[in-house]
Amino acid sequence: MQLSFLLDENVEADIARKLAREGHDVERVVEVNSLGVGTPDSEVRRYARETGRIIISYDDHFADPDDNHAGVFYCPDQELSSFDVFRIVTTVINRFDDRDSLPSVVYLSENWL
């Protein structure tokens, strides 16, 4: 399954590169002209929703399943390497049949591995 992602400003560029190499459509908040560093979370959510992108973030402000977003992969452990975060995201993607079956918020942790 190929997905569209929006990586929050706190997510390493290396994760974006790895996901893009796997065929996913990836944008980073810091590289989107209408967003950028310091953009309020509400604007990040709006952009992700309007473009159908799942947000990947270390920011727990995105982890509310009742928020109006297009989906969130939330990583509470900022000590995980970018390679491990990539492996976990890939594992999550492979465990679900399609995007509609994904939970609105997926907690990325080593438990997925």
N, C-alpha and C. Protein backbone atom coordinates (compact mmCIF):
# COMPACT_ATOMS: atom_id res chain seq x y z
N MET A 1 0.85 -1.17 0.00
CA MET A 1 0.00 0.00 0.00
C MET A 1 0.90 1.23 0.00
N GLN A 2 0.65 2.12 -0.92
CA GLN A 2 1.38 3.38 -1.00
C GLN A 2 0.55 4.47 -0.33
N LEU A 3 1.20 5.27 0.50
CA LEU A 3 0.50 6.31 1.25
C LEU A 3 1.12 7.67 1.00
N SER A 4 0.38 8.71 1.36
CA SER A 4 0.87 10.08 1.31
C SER A 4 1.10 10.54 2.74
N PHE A 5 2.29 11.06 2.99
CA PHE A 5 2.68 11.49 4.33
C PHE A 5 3.06 12.96 4.36
N LEU A 6 2.84 13.57 5.52
CA LEU A 6 3.36 14.90 5.82
C LEU A 6 4.17 14.75 7.10
N LEU A 7 5.47 14.96 7.01
CA LEU A 7 6.34 14.83 8.17
C LEU A 7 6.44 16.17 8.88
N ASP A 8 6.10 16.16 10.15
CA ASP A 8 6.15 17.35 10.99
C ASP A 8 7.59 17.87 11.03
N GLU A 9 7.73 19.11 11.45
CA GLU A 9 9.05 19.75 11.43
C GLU A 9 10.07 19.06 12.32
N ASN A 10 9.61 18.24 13.26
CA ASN A 10 10.53 17.57 14.18
C ASN A 10 10.96 16.18 13.70
N VAL A 11 10.55 15.80 12.51
CA VAL A 11 10.86 14.47 11.97
C VAL A 11 12.03 14.58 10.99
N GLU A 12 12.99 13.69 11.15
CA GLU A 12 14.21 13.72 10.37
C GLU A 12 13.96 13.56 8.87
N ALA A 13 14.73 14.30 8.08
CA ALA A 13 14.65 14.22 6.62
C ALA A 13 14.98 12.81 6.13
N ASP A 14 15.81 12.10 6.87
CA ASP A 14 16.19 10.74 6.49
C ASP A 14 14.97 9.83 6.39
N ILE A 15 14.01 10.02 7.27
CA ILE A 15 12.78 9.22 7.23
C ILE A 15 12.01 9.53 5.96
N ALA A 16 11.95 10.79 5.58
CA ALA A 16 11.27 11.18 4.34
C ALA A 16 11.93 10.51 3.14
N ARG A 17 13.25 10.53 3.10
CA ARG A 17 13.98 9.92 1.98
C ARG A 17 13.72 8.42 1.90
N LYS A 18 13.74 7.75 3.03
CA LYS A 18 13.50 6.30 3.05
C LYS A 18 12.08 5.97 2.59
N LEU A 19 11.10 6.72 3.08
CA LEU A 19 9.72 6.46 2.67
C LEU A 19 9.51 6.75 1.18
N ALA A 20 10.12 7.81 0.69
CA ALA A 20 10.00 8.15 -0.73
C ALA A 20 10.63 7.05 -1.59
N ARG A 21 11.75 6.50 -1.15
CA ARG A 21 12.39 5.40 -1.90
C ARG A 21 11.48 4.17 -1.97
N GLU A 22 10.61 4.03 -0.99
CA GLU A 22 9.66 2.90 -0.97
C GLU A 22 8.42 3.20 -1.82
N GLY A 23 8.38 4.39 -2.42
CA GLY A 23 7.27 4.72 -3.32
C GLY A 23 6.17 5.56 -2.71
N HIS A 24 6.34 5.99 -1.46
CA HIS A 24 5.33 6.80 -0.81
C HIS A 24 5.48 8.26 -1.24
N ASP A 25 4.38 8.98 -1.23
CA ASP A 25 4.37 10.41 -1.54
C ASP A 25 4.63 11.14 -0.23
N VAL A 26 5.77 11.80 -0.13
CA VAL A 26 6.20 12.37 1.15
C VAL A 26 6.50 13.85 0.99
N GLU A 27 5.94 14.64 1.90
CA GLU A 27 6.28 16.06 2.02
C GLU A 27 6.69 16.31 3.46
N ARG A 28 7.53 17.33 3.63
CA ARG A 28 7.95 17.74 4.97
C ARG A 28 7.42 19.14 5.22
N VAL A 29 6.89 19.39 6.41
CA VAL A 29 6.37 20.69 6.78
C VAL A 29 7.38 21.79 6.46
N VAL A 30 8.65 21.53 6.74
CA VAL A 30 9.68 22.56 6.56
C VAL A 30 9.96 22.86 5.09
N GLU A 31 9.47 22.02 4.18
CA GLU A 31 9.71 22.23 2.75
C GLU A 31 8.47 22.65 1.97
N VAL A 32 7.33 22.69 2.62
CA VAL A 32 6.08 23.10 1.95
C VAL A 32 5.99 24.63 2.03
N ASN A 33 5.88 25.27 0.89
CA ASN A 33 5.86 26.75 0.84
C ASN A 33 4.82 27.37 1.75
N SER A 34 3.64 26.78 1.80
CA SER A 34 2.57 27.38 2.60
C SER A 34 2.66 27.04 4.09
N LEU A 35 3.63 26.22 4.48
CA LEU A 35 3.79 25.85 5.89
C LEU A 35 5.13 26.38 6.39
N GLY A 36 6.09 25.52 6.65
CA GLY A 36 7.40 25.95 7.13
C GLY A 36 7.57 25.80 8.62
N VAL A 37 8.77 26.12 9.09
CA VAL A 37 9.10 26.01 10.51
C VAL A 37 8.20 26.94 11.33
N GLY A 38 7.69 26.43 12.43
CA GLY A 38 6.88 27.24 13.33
C GLY A 38 5.42 27.35 12.96
N THR A 39 4.98 26.64 11.92
CA THR A 39 3.56 26.69 11.53
C THR A 39 2.71 26.10 12.66
N PRO A 40 1.63 26.75 13.03
CA PRO A 40 0.76 26.21 14.08
C PRO A 40 0.23 24.82 13.70
N ASP A 41 0.05 23.97 14.71
CA ASP A 41 -0.44 22.61 14.49
C ASP A 41 -1.76 22.61 13.73
N SER A 42 -2.62 23.57 14.00
CA SER A 42 -3.92 23.62 13.32
C SER A 42 -3.75 23.77 11.81
N GLU A 43 -2.75 24.53 11.38
CA GLU A 43 -2.48 24.70 9.95
C GLU A 43 -1.87 23.44 9.35
N VAL A 44 -1.03 22.76 10.12
CA VAL A 44 -0.46 21.50 9.65
C VAL A 44 -1.58 20.48 9.46
N ARG A 45 -2.49 20.39 10.44
CA ARG A 45 -3.64 19.48 10.34
C ARG A 45 -4.49 19.81 9.12
N ARG A 46 -4.76 21.10 8.92
CA ARG A 46 -5.59 21.52 7.80
C ARG A 46 -4.96 21.11 6.48
N TYR A 47 -3.67 21.39 6.31
CA TYR A 47 -2.98 21.05 5.08
C TYR A 47 -3.00 19.54 4.85
N ALA A 48 -2.71 18.77 5.90
CA ALA A 48 -2.71 17.31 5.77
C ALA A 48 -4.09 16.79 5.39
N ARG A 49 -5.10 17.33 6.01
CA ARG A 49 -6.48 16.92 5.71
C ARG A 49 -6.84 17.25 4.27
N GLU A 50 -6.53 18.47 3.84
CA GLU A 50 -6.88 18.91 2.49
C GLU A 50 -6.11 18.15 1.40
N THR A 51 -4.91 17.67 1.73
CA THR A 51 -4.11 16.95 0.75
C THR A 51 -4.13 15.43 0.98
N GLY A 52 -4.89 14.98 1.97
CA GLY A 52 -5.03 13.54 2.22
C GLY A 52 -3.77 12.88 2.74
N ARG A 53 -2.98 13.61 3.52
CA ARG A 53 -1.71 13.10 4.02
C ARG A 53 -1.80 12.68 5.49
N ILE A 54 -1.14 11.58 5.79
CA ILE A 54 -1.00 11.13 7.18
C ILE A 54 0.19 11.89 7.78
N ILE A 55 -0.03 12.49 8.92
CA ILE A 55 1.04 13.22 9.62
C ILE A 55 1.91 12.23 10.38
N ILE A 56 3.21 12.38 10.27
CA ILE A 56 4.15 11.66 11.13
C ILE A 56 4.78 12.70 12.04
N SER A 57 4.70 12.46 13.35
CA SER A 57 5.19 13.47 14.30
C SER A 57 5.63 12.83 15.60
N TYR A 58 6.53 13.54 16.28
CA TYR A 58 6.90 13.21 17.66
C TYR A 58 6.10 14.08 18.63
N ASP A 59 5.27 14.94 18.13
CA ASP A 59 4.52 15.93 18.91
C ASP A 59 3.19 15.33 19.35
N ASP A 60 3.00 15.19 20.66
CA ASP A 60 1.77 14.56 21.17
C ASP A 60 0.52 15.40 20.93
N HIS A 61 0.68 16.65 20.47
CA HIS A 61 -0.49 17.46 20.15
C HIS A 61 -1.28 16.88 18.97
N PHE A 62 -0.64 16.02 18.19
CA PHE A 62 -1.31 15.39 17.05
C PHE A 62 -1.94 14.05 17.41
N ALA A 63 -1.75 13.57 18.64
CA ALA A 63 -2.14 12.22 19.01
C ALA A 63 -3.59 12.08 19.46
N ASP A 64 -4.39 13.11 19.34
CA ASP A 64 -5.79 13.03 19.74
C ASP A 64 -6.62 12.44 18.61
N PRO A 65 -7.21 11.26 18.81
CA PRO A 65 -7.98 10.62 17.73
C PRO A 65 -9.23 11.41 17.35
N ASP A 66 -9.67 12.34 18.20
CA ASP A 66 -10.85 13.14 17.89
C ASP A 66 -10.54 14.39 17.10
N ASP A 67 -9.25 14.69 16.88
CA ASP A 67 -8.87 15.85 16.09
C ASP A 67 -9.32 15.67 14.65
N ASN A 68 -9.48 16.79 13.99
CA ASN A 68 -9.88 16.77 12.59
C ASN A 68 -8.63 16.69 11.72
N HIS A 69 -8.17 15.46 11.47
CA HIS A 69 -6.98 15.25 10.65
C HIS A 69 -7.22 14.07 9.72
N ALA A 70 -6.26 13.82 8.84
CA ALA A 70 -6.38 12.71 7.88
C ALA A 70 -5.66 11.46 8.38
N GLY A 71 -5.24 11.45 9.62
CA GLY A 71 -4.53 10.33 10.20
C GLY A 71 -3.18 10.79 10.73
N VAL A 72 -2.72 10.11 11.77
CA VAL A 72 -1.46 10.47 12.41
C VAL A 72 -0.70 9.20 12.77
N PHE A 73 0.59 9.20 12.48
CA PHE A 73 1.52 8.22 13.00
C PHE A 73 2.33 8.99 14.04
N TYR A 74 2.05 8.71 15.32
CA TYR A 74 2.68 9.44 16.42
C TYR A 74 3.76 8.57 17.05
N CYS A 75 4.95 9.12 17.16
CA CYS A 75 6.09 8.41 17.76
C CYS A 75 6.44 9.08 19.09
N PRO A 76 6.03 8.48 20.21
CA PRO A 76 6.31 9.10 21.51
C PRO A 76 7.78 8.98 21.95
N ASP A 77 8.53 8.06 21.35
CA ASP A 77 9.92 7.83 21.76
C ASP A 77 10.87 8.56 20.82
N GLN A 78 11.30 9.73 21.22
CA GLN A 78 12.18 10.53 20.38
C GLN A 78 13.60 9.98 20.34
N GLU A 79 13.88 8.96 21.11
CA GLU A 79 15.20 8.34 21.12
C GLU A 79 15.36 7.28 20.03
N LEU A 80 14.26 6.90 19.37
CA LEU A 80 14.36 5.91 18.30
C LEU A 80 15.15 6.50 17.14
N SER A 81 15.97 5.69 16.52
CA SER A 81 16.71 6.16 15.35
C SER A 81 15.76 6.34 14.18
N SER A 82 16.19 7.13 13.21
CA SER A 82 15.34 7.33 12.03
C SER A 82 15.13 6.00 11.31
N PHE A 83 16.13 5.13 11.32
CA PHE A 83 15.98 3.82 10.69
C PHE A 83 14.90 3.01 11.40
N ASP A 84 14.89 3.02 12.74
CA ASP A 84 13.87 2.28 13.49
C ASP A 84 12.48 2.86 13.25
N VAL A 85 12.36 4.17 13.21
CA VAL A 85 11.05 4.78 12.93
C VAL A 85 10.58 4.35 11.54
N PHE A 86 11.46 4.38 10.56
CA PHE A 86 11.12 3.93 9.22
C PHE A 86 10.67 2.47 9.23
N ARG A 87 11.42 1.60 9.92
CA ARG A 87 11.04 0.18 10.00
C ARG A 87 9.68 0.01 10.63
N ILE A 88 9.39 0.78 11.67
CA ILE A 88 8.10 0.66 12.35
C ILE A 88 6.99 1.13 11.42
N VAL A 89 7.18 2.27 10.75
CA VAL A 89 6.16 2.76 9.81
C VAL A 89 5.90 1.71 8.74
N THR A 90 6.96 1.13 8.20
CA THR A 90 6.81 0.10 7.16
C THR A 90 6.07 -1.11 7.69
N THR A 91 6.37 -1.52 8.90
CA THR A 91 5.68 -2.65 9.52
C THR A 91 4.19 -2.36 9.68
N VAL A 92 3.88 -1.16 10.16
CA VAL A 92 2.47 -0.77 10.33
C VAL A 92 1.75 -0.84 8.98
N ILE A 93 2.34 -0.24 7.97
CA ILE A 93 1.72 -0.23 6.64
C ILE A 93 1.45 -1.65 6.15
N ASN A 94 2.39 -2.54 6.38
CA ASN A 94 2.24 -3.92 5.91
C ASN A 94 1.22 -4.74 6.70
N ARG A 95 0.84 -4.26 7.87
CA ARG A 95 -0.12 -5.01 8.69
C ARG A 95 -1.58 -4.67 8.36
N PHE A 96 -1.80 -3.65 7.57
CA PHE A 96 -3.16 -3.25 7.23
C PHE A 96 -3.40 -3.41 5.74
N ASP A 97 -4.64 -3.78 5.40
CA ASP A 97 -4.99 -4.03 4.00
C ASP A 97 -5.06 -2.77 3.16
N ASP A 98 -5.57 -1.70 3.77
CA ASP A 98 -5.71 -0.45 3.02
C ASP A 98 -5.76 0.71 4.01
N ARG A 99 -5.72 1.90 3.46
CA ARG A 99 -5.68 3.09 4.32
C ARG A 99 -6.92 3.20 5.20
N ASP A 100 -8.07 2.81 4.69
CA ASP A 100 -9.31 2.90 5.47
C ASP A 100 -9.29 2.03 6.72
N SER A 101 -8.46 1.00 6.72
CA SER A 101 -8.41 0.12 7.89
C SER A 101 -7.43 0.60 8.96
N LEU A 102 -6.63 1.64 8.65
CA LEU A 102 -5.71 2.20 9.64
C LEU A 102 -6.47 2.94 10.73
N PRO A 103 -6.04 2.82 11.98
CA PRO A 103 -6.63 3.66 13.03
C PRO A 103 -6.35 5.13 12.75
N SER A 104 -7.13 6.03 13.31
CA SER A 104 -6.91 7.46 13.06
C SER A 104 -5.58 7.92 13.65
N VAL A 105 -5.15 7.30 14.76
CA VAL A 105 -3.85 7.59 15.34
C VAL A 105 -3.15 6.25 15.56
N VAL A 106 -1.96 6.12 14.99
CA VAL A 106 -1.13 4.93 15.19
C VAL A 106 0.06 5.35 16.06
N TYR A 107 0.24 4.66 17.17
CA TYR A 107 1.37 4.93 18.05
C TYR A 107 2.55 4.09 17.58
N LEU A 108 3.59 4.77 17.13
CA LEU A 108 4.77 4.08 16.62
C LEU A 108 5.69 3.75 17.79
N SER A 109 5.90 2.46 18.00
CA SER A 109 6.79 2.02 19.06
C SER A 109 7.45 0.72 18.62
N GLU A 110 8.45 0.31 19.35
CA GLU A 110 9.14 -0.94 19.05
C GLU A 110 8.24 -2.14 19.17
N ASN A 111 7.09 -1.99 19.81
CA ASN A 111 6.14 -3.10 19.93
C ASN A 111 5.66 -3.61 18.57
N TRP A 112 5.75 -2.76 17.54
CA TRP A 112 5.36 -3.17 16.19
C TRP A 112 6.36 -4.12 15.56
N LEU A 113 7.59 -4.11 16.07
CA LEU A 113 8.64 -4.92 15.43
C LEU A 113 8.66 -6.34 15.97
